Protein backbone atom coordinates (compact mmCIF):
# COMPACT_ATOMS: atom_id res chain seq x y z
CA MET A 1 -24.07 28.58 24.54
CA THR A 2 -23.23 24.87 24.33
CA LYS A 3 -20.23 23.89 22.27
CA VAL A 4 -20.97 21.09 19.81
CA VAL A 5 -18.10 18.70 19.11
CA LEU A 6 -18.55 16.62 16.02
CA PRO A 7 -16.83 13.25 15.85
CA GLN A 8 -13.88 13.21 13.50
CA ALA A 9 -14.04 10.65 10.75
CA ARG A 10 -11.26 8.11 10.89
CA LEU A 11 -9.02 8.25 7.86
CA PRO A 12 -8.46 4.94 6.12
CA ARG A 13 -5.36 2.99 7.11
CA ILE A 14 -3.01 2.48 4.19
CA ALA A 15 -0.57 -0.34 3.51
CA VAL A 16 2.07 0.19 0.85
CA LEU A 17 3.51 -3.00 -0.60
CA GLY A 18 6.86 -2.18 -2.12
CA ALA A 19 9.84 -0.31 -0.70
CA GLY A 20 11.75 0.51 -3.86
CA HIS A 21 11.77 3.88 -5.61
CA VAL A 22 8.04 4.60 -5.42
CA GLY A 23 6.63 2.92 -2.29
CA PRO A 24 8.42 4.96 0.40
CA ILE A 25 7.46 8.24 -1.30
CA ILE A 26 3.78 7.26 -1.51
CA ALA A 27 3.96 6.19 2.14
CA ARG A 28 5.57 9.49 3.20
CA VAL A 29 3.05 11.66 1.36
CA ALA A 30 0.13 9.69 2.83
CA GLN A 31 1.61 9.82 6.34
CA GLU A 32 2.21 13.58 6.06
CA ALA A 33 -1.44 13.97 5.03
CA GLY A 34 -2.49 12.36 8.32
CA TYR A 35 -3.05 8.75 7.32
CA GLN A 36 -1.80 5.80 9.36
CA VAL A 37 0.60 4.07 7.01
CA SER A 38 2.54 0.83 7.07
CA ILE A 39 4.98 -0.37 4.42
CA ALA A 40 6.22 -3.81 3.49
CA ALA A 41 8.71 -5.30 1.09
CA SER A 42 9.07 -8.89 -0.01
CA GLY A 43 11.13 -9.84 3.03
CA ASN A 44 11.85 -9.03 6.64
CA PRO A 45 10.72 -5.53 7.71
CA GLU A 46 14.05 -5.03 9.47
CA GLN A 47 15.66 -4.88 6.01
CA ILE A 48 13.74 -1.71 5.14
CA GLU A 49 13.95 0.10 8.48
CA LEU A 50 16.72 2.48 7.36
CA ILE A 51 14.93 3.26 4.10
CA VAL A 52 11.77 4.06 6.03
CA GLN A 53 13.58 6.16 8.65
CA VAL A 54 15.19 8.29 5.95
CA LEU A 55 12.48 8.48 3.28
CA ALA A 56 9.25 7.98 5.24
CA PRO A 57 9.75 8.79 8.93
CA GLY A 58 6.74 7.79 11.01
CA VAL A 59 5.68 5.01 8.65
CA GLU A 60 5.68 1.52 10.16
CA PRO A 61 7.71 -1.20 8.41
CA ARG A 62 5.87 -4.53 8.70
CA TRP A 63 5.57 -7.97 7.19
CA ALA A 64 3.28 -7.78 4.15
CA ALA A 65 0.52 -9.90 5.73
CA GLU A 66 0.51 -7.73 8.88
CA ALA A 67 0.45 -4.49 6.90
CA VAL A 68 -2.46 -5.63 4.73
CA ALA A 69 -4.42 -7.12 7.65
CA GLY A 70 -4.68 -3.73 9.32
CA ALA A 71 -5.33 -1.72 6.15
CA ASP A 72 -8.40 -0.27 4.50
CA LEU A 73 -6.48 0.51 1.31
CA VAL A 74 -3.49 -1.32 -0.16
CA VAL A 75 -1.17 0.42 -2.59
CA LEU A 76 0.85 -1.97 -4.75
CA ALA A 77 4.12 -0.21 -5.53
CA ILE A 78 5.76 -3.28 -6.98
CA PRO A 79 7.32 -3.99 -10.37
CA LEU A 80 4.86 -5.04 -13.03
CA HIS A 81 6.42 -8.48 -13.41
CA LYS A 82 5.87 -9.16 -9.68
CA VAL A 83 2.08 -8.70 -9.86
CA ALA A 84 1.65 -12.27 -11.14
CA THR A 85 3.52 -13.63 -8.10
CA LEU A 86 1.37 -11.80 -5.54
CA ASP A 87 -0.88 -14.06 -3.47
CA PRO A 88 -4.42 -12.80 -4.18
CA SER A 89 -5.70 -13.99 -0.80
CA LEU A 90 -3.44 -11.35 0.77
CA LEU A 91 -5.81 -8.68 -0.55
CA ASP A 92 -9.10 -10.31 0.45
CA GLY A 93 -11.44 -7.75 1.95
CA THR A 94 -9.34 -4.73 0.97
CA SER A 95 -9.43 -2.14 -1.75
CA ALA A 96 -6.21 -2.13 -3.76
CA THR A 97 -4.59 0.24 -6.20
CA MET A 98 -1.46 -0.26 -8.28
CA SER A 99 1.17 2.39 -8.75
CA SER A 100 2.79 1.90 -12.14
CA THR A 101 5.60 3.93 -13.63
CA THR A 102 5.32 2.14 -16.96
CA ASN A 103 1.94 3.50 -18.06
CA ALA A 104 0.95 -0.08 -18.80
CA ASP A 105 -2.62 -0.18 -17.54
CA GLN A 106 -3.70 -3.05 -19.80
CA ARG A 107 -0.76 -5.25 -18.77
CA VAL A 108 -1.40 -4.51 -15.08
CA ARG A 109 -5.05 -5.51 -15.39
CA ARG A 110 -4.17 -8.62 -17.41
CA ASN A 111 -1.53 -9.74 -14.86
CA ALA A 112 -3.91 -8.99 -12.00
CA ALA A 113 -6.68 -11.02 -13.63
CA ARG A 114 -4.34 -13.97 -14.26
CA SER A 115 -3.28 -13.88 -10.64
CA GLY A 116 -6.85 -13.85 -9.35
CA LEU A 117 -6.41 -10.42 -7.78
CA PRO A 118 -9.53 -8.43 -6.95
CA ALA A 119 -11.32 -6.68 -9.79
CA MET A 120 -11.14 -3.40 -7.89
CA ILE A 121 -7.42 -3.12 -8.56
CA HIS A 122 -6.69 0.12 -10.39
CA ALA A 123 -3.52 1.04 -12.22
CA ARG A 124 -2.18 4.52 -11.56
């Protein structure tokens, strides 16, 4: 009998933008589920290395542009007031979702629209 080996589907690569209270936890859960995950904050990735080592071991800290460039899905784990400052071109060609702890879906969509962010942004 011949053994049939089916190709495994590649899981999407995920970039988490935000390394505060929520971002590293989302990154850790995704990484533990088998996804390739990178995380970025607003500055140098070296500044979040310790946070990532402790809260999300195995996740790669990167510059935001590098993290997004290699991602299929971008999770925005940033404060609501920072959405308007996000460069929309950073998300070109990606699917993005917003993690919000404020339950402010309408404000997230409004800020995203003002910023020119993709329409596929979803507030969670």
